[in-house]
Amino acid sequence: CLMASRTQFRSLLLSTCAALMMIWSGIGAAQVPIVNGEHWTRSTPDQKKAYLIGIANLIQVETAYYAANPPADGQNFVPRFAKGLQGQTLDSVRDALDKWYANNPGQQQRAVLETIWFEMVVPGLQKAR
């Protein structure tokens, strides 16, 4: 039954989030780095792909969780993120990030998520209009 699986999925998701919160509560914000261009350019292709898969999984979980009652776009960036990256692949995003950081060596402190947002998502949303 679809309703039972959604309920089970939400229960599993909430349990997982609670467990992660308990684990992360002992970790200070200073101990969890924001992945930036320095991290990105030093990473192997497999590490880069794993990072992007993590982002993609987060978007998929968030989309599934709110499927029945999605928040307004102004309250959640996930629908815009997904729409702006429509047509992109993990490899195309990785290649675009590699190129952007290579062409902008003075921007190595810029967060990878910020770069994805402003260099790929926002232009993708403008094309989708």
C-alpha atoms as a PDB file:
ATOM      1  CA  CYS A   1       0.000   0.000   0.000  1.00  0.00           C
ATOM      2  CA  LEU A   2       1.425   3.388  -1.025  1.00  0.00           C
ATOM      3  CA  MET A   3       0.266   5.141   2.145  1.00  0.00           C
ATOM      4  CA  ALA A   4       1.881   2.517   4.380  1.00  0.00           C
ATOM      5  CA  SER A   5       5.171   2.785   2.492  1.00  0.00           C
ATOM      6  CA  ARG A   6       5.167   6.570   2.803  1.00  0.00           C
ATOM      7  CA  THR A   7       4.495   6.278   6.515  1.00  0.00           C
ATOM      8  CA  GLN A   8       7.258   3.699   6.866  1.00  0.00           C
ATOM      9  CA  PHE A   9       9.599   5.865   4.795  1.00  0.00           C
ATOM     10  CA  ARG A  10       8.881   8.920   6.929  1.00  0.00           C
ATOM     11  CA  SER A  11       9.407   6.908  10.113  1.00  0.00           C
ATOM     12  CA  LEU A  12      12.705   5.599   8.799  1.00  0.00           C
ATOM     13  CA  LEU A  13      13.758   9.070   7.684  1.00  0.00           C
ATOM     14  CA  LEU A  14      12.879  10.624  11.039  1.00  0.00           C
ATOM     15  CA  SER A  15      14.691   7.838  12.919  1.00  0.00           C
ATOM     16  CA  THR A  16      17.768   8.303  10.749  1.00  0.00           C
ATOM     17  CA  CYS A  17      17.697  12.071  11.229  1.00  0.00           C
ATOM     18  CA  ALA A  18      17.325  11.660  14.987  1.00  0.00           C
ATOM     19  CA  ALA A  19      20.289   9.264  15.085  1.00  0.00           C
ATOM     20  CA  LEU A  20      22.412  11.630  12.995  1.00  0.00           C
ATOM     21  CA  MET A  21      21.460  14.574  15.196  1.00  0.00           C
ATOM     22  CA  MET A  22      22.558  12.631  18.281  1.00  0.00           C
ATOM     23  CA  ILE A  23      25.859  11.765  16.620  1.00  0.00           C
ATOM     24  CA  TRP A  24      26.435  15.277  15.299  1.00  0.00           C
ATOM     25  CA  SER A  25      25.417  16.992  18.537  1.00  0.00           C
ATOM     26  CA  GLY A  26      28.841  16.097  19.911  1.00  0.00           C
ATOM     27  CA  ILE A  27      30.567  17.629  16.900  1.00  0.00           C
ATOM     28  CA  GLY A  28      31.117  21.369  16.943  1.00  0.00           C
ATOM     29  CA  ALA A  29      30.413  23.401  13.828  1.00  0.00           C
ATOM     30  CA  ALA A  30      34.127  24.155  13.565  1.00  0.00           C
ATOM     31  CA  GLN A  31      34.818  20.434  13.153  1.00  0.00           C
ATOM     32  CA  VAL A  32      32.547  19.996  10.125  1.00  0.00           C
ATOM     33  CA  PRO A  33      34.159  21.790   7.183  1.00  0.00           C
ATOM     34  CA  ILE A  34      32.180  23.366   4.397  1.00  0.00           C
ATOM     35  CA  VAL A  35      33.539  21.790   1.224  1.00  0.00           C
ATOM     36  CA  ASN A  36      35.152  24.549  -0.794  1.00  0.00           C
ATOM     37  CA  GLY A  37      37.328  24.849  -3.884  1.00  0.00           C
ATOM     38  CA  GLU A  38      40.470  23.841  -2.017  1.00  0.00           C
ATOM     39  CA  HIS A  39      38.844  20.586  -0.926  1.00  0.00           C
ATOM     40  CA  TRP A  40      37.337  20.095  -4.374  1.00  0.00           C
ATOM     41  CA  THR A  41      40.539  20.573  -6.352  1.00  0.00           C
ATOM     42  CA  ARG A  42      42.472  18.231  -4.039  1.00  0.00           C
ATOM     43  CA  SER A  43      39.835  15.488  -4.290  1.00  0.00           C
ATOM     44  CA  THR A  44      39.982  12.464  -6.560  1.00  0.00           C
ATOM     45  CA  PRO A  45      37.311  12.002  -9.239  1.00  0.00           C
ATOM     46  CA  ASP A  46      35.708   9.288  -7.077  1.00  0.00           C
ATOM     47  CA  GLN A  47      35.611  11.572  -4.034  1.00  0.00           C
ATOM     48  CA  LYS A  48      34.034  14.326  -6.112  1.00  0.00           C
ATOM     49  CA  LYS A  49      31.432  11.925  -7.455  1.00  0.00           C
ATOM     50  CA  ALA A  50      30.670  10.654  -3.936  1.00  0.00           C
ATOM     51  CA  TYR A  51      30.108  14.245  -2.767  1.00  0.00           C
ATOM     52  CA  LEU A  52      27.737  14.924  -5.670  1.00  0.00           C
ATOM     53  CA  ILE A  53      25.897  11.632  -5.057  1.00  0.00           C
ATOM     54  CA  GLY A  54      25.406  12.724  -1.443  1.00  0.00           C
ATOM     55  CA  ILE A  55      23.855  15.999  -2.600  1.00  0.00           C
ATOM     56  CA  ALA A  56      21.669  14.155  -5.122  1.00  0.00           C
ATOM     57  CA  ASN A  57      20.524  11.709  -2.431  1.00  0.00           C
ATOM     58  CA  LEU A  58      19.691  14.561  -0.083  1.00  0.00           C
ATOM     59  CA  ILE A  59      17.561  16.176  -2.783  1.00  0.00           C
ATOM     60  CA  GLN A  60      15.799  12.885  -3.544  1.00  0.00           C
ATOM     61  CA  VAL A  61      15.039  12.198   0.130  1.00  0.00           C
ATOM     62  CA  GLU A  62      13.766  15.732   0.671  1.00  0.00           C
ATOM     63  CA  THR A  63      11.610  15.554  -2.467  1.00  0.00           C
ATOM     64  CA  ALA A  64      10.140  12.187  -1.437  1.00  0.00           C
ATOM     65  CA  TYR A  65       9.524  13.337   2.133  1.00  0.00           C
ATOM     66  CA  TYR A  66       7.558  16.407   1.033  1.00  0.00           C
ATOM     67  CA  ALA A  67       5.896  14.804  -2.002  1.00  0.00           C
ATOM     68  CA  ALA A  68       2.376  14.912  -0.539  1.00  0.00           C
ATOM     69  CA  ASN A  69       2.717  18.399   0.936  1.00  0.00           C
ATOM     70  CA  PRO A  70       5.616  20.285  -0.654  1.00  0.00           C
ATOM     71  CA  PRO A  71       6.660  23.551   0.984  1.00  0.00           C
ATOM     72  CA  ALA A  72       6.488  26.766  -1.023  1.00  0.00           C
ATOM     73  CA  ASP A  73       9.545  27.497  -3.165  1.00  0.00           C
ATOM     74  CA  GLY A  74      10.437  30.384  -0.867  1.00  0.00           C
ATOM     75  CA  GLN A  75      10.676  27.985   2.075  1.00  0.00           C
ATOM     76  CA  ASN A  76      12.750  25.306   0.383  1.00  0.00           C
ATOM     77  CA  PHE A  77      15.529  25.477  -2.171  1.00  0.00           C
ATOM     78  CA  VAL A  78      15.287  21.813  -3.202  1.00  0.00           C
ATOM     79  CA  PRO A  79      12.666  22.162  -5.974  1.00  0.00           C
ATOM     80  CA  ARG A  80      14.605  25.055  -7.524  1.00  0.00           C
ATOM     81  CA  PHE A  81      17.886  23.172  -7.121  1.00  0.00           C
ATOM     82  CA  ALA A  82      16.468  20.124  -8.913  1.00  0.00           C
ATOM     83  CA  LYS A  83      14.840  22.210 -11.659  1.00  0.00           C
ATOM     84  CA  GLY A  84      17.958  24.278 -12.244  1.00  0.00           C
ATOM     85  CA  LEU A  85      20.103  21.166 -12.643  1.00  0.00           C
ATOM     86  CA  GLN A  86      17.645  19.396 -14.927  1.00  0.00           C
ATOM     87  CA  GLY A  87      19.503  17.727 -17.774  1.00  0.00           C
ATOM     88  CA  GLN A  88      22.803  17.699 -15.869  1.00  0.00           C
ATOM     89  CA  THR A  89      24.587  14.494 -14.920  1.00  0.00           C
ATOM     90  CA  LEU A  90      26.990  13.835 -12.065  1.00  0.00           C
ATOM     91  CA  ASP A  91      29.808  13.931 -14.591  1.00  0.00           C
ATOM     92  CA  SER A  92      28.680  17.203 -16.182  1.00  0.00           C
ATOM     93  CA  VAL A  93      28.372  18.887 -12.774  1.00  0.00           C
ATOM     94  CA  ARG A  94      31.778  17.543 -11.730  1.00  0.00           C
ATOM     95  CA  ASP A  95      33.346  18.736 -14.988  1.00  0.00           C
ATOM     96  CA  ALA A  96      31.719  22.170 -14.683  1.00  0.00           C
ATOM     97  CA  LEU A  97      33.005  22.536 -11.111  1.00  0.00           C
ATOM     98  CA  ASP A  98      36.503  21.446 -12.176  1.00  0.00           C
ATOM     99  CA  LYS A  99      36.457  24.015 -14.974  1.00  0.00           C
ATOM    100  CA  TRP A 100      35.063  26.812 -12.793  1.00  0.00           C
ATOM    101  CA  TYR A 101      37.648  26.348 -10.036  1.00  0.00           C
ATOM    102  CA  ALA A 102      40.448  26.070 -12.630  1.00  0.00           C
ATOM    103  CA  ASN A 103      39.302  29.325 -14.261  1.00  0.00           C
ATOM    104  CA  ASN A 104      38.850  31.081 -10.902  1.00  0.00           C
ATOM    105  CA  PRO A 105      41.950  30.267  -8.827  1.00  0.00           C
ATOM    106  CA  GLY A 106      41.295  33.214  -6.523  1.00  0.00           C
ATOM    107  CA  GLN A 107      37.952  31.703  -5.502  1.00  0.00           C
ATOM    108  CA  GLN A 108      39.225  28.536  -3.821  1.00  0.00           C
ATOM    109  CA  GLN A 109      37.501  29.480  -0.544  1.00  0.00           C
ATOM    110  CA  ARG A 110      34.093  29.591  -2.219  1.00  0.00           C
ATOM    111  CA  ALA A 111      31.853  26.740  -1.057  1.00  0.00           C
ATOM    112  CA  VAL A 112      31.140  24.068  -3.657  1.00  0.00           C
ATOM    113  CA  LEU A 113      27.387  24.275  -2.979  1.00  0.00           C
ATOM    114  CA  GLU A 114      27.508  28.038  -3.528  1.00  0.00           C
ATOM    115  CA  THR A 115      29.326  27.483  -6.813  1.00  0.00           C
ATOM    116  CA  ILE A 116      26.798  24.872  -7.942  1.00  0.00           C
ATOM    117  CA  TRP A 117      23.947  27.232  -7.025  1.00  0.00           C
ATOM    118  CA  PHE A 118      25.209  30.398  -8.695  1.00  0.00           C
ATOM    119  CA  GLU A 119      27.065  28.885 -11.657  1.00  0.00           C
ATOM    120  CA  MET A 120      24.682  26.052 -12.584  1.00  0.00           C
ATOM    121  CA  VAL A 121      21.325  26.175 -10.800  1.00  0.00           C
ATOM    122  CA  VAL A 122      20.527  29.871 -11.281  1.00  0.00           C
ATOM    123  CA  PRO A 123      21.473  29.851 -14.999  1.00  0.00           C
ATOM    124  CA  GLY A 124      19.500  26.596 -15.402  1.00  0.00           C
ATOM    125  CA  LEU A 125      16.424  28.217 -13.833  1.00  0.00           C
ATOM    126  CA  GLN A 126      16.744  31.216 -16.151  1.00  0.00           C
ATOM    127  CA  LYS A 127      16.854  28.901 -19.187  1.00  0.00           C
ATOM    128  CA  ALA A 128      13.797  26.988 -17.907  1.00  0.00           C
ATOM    129  CA  ARG A 129      11.602  30.119 -17.874  1.00  0.00           C
END
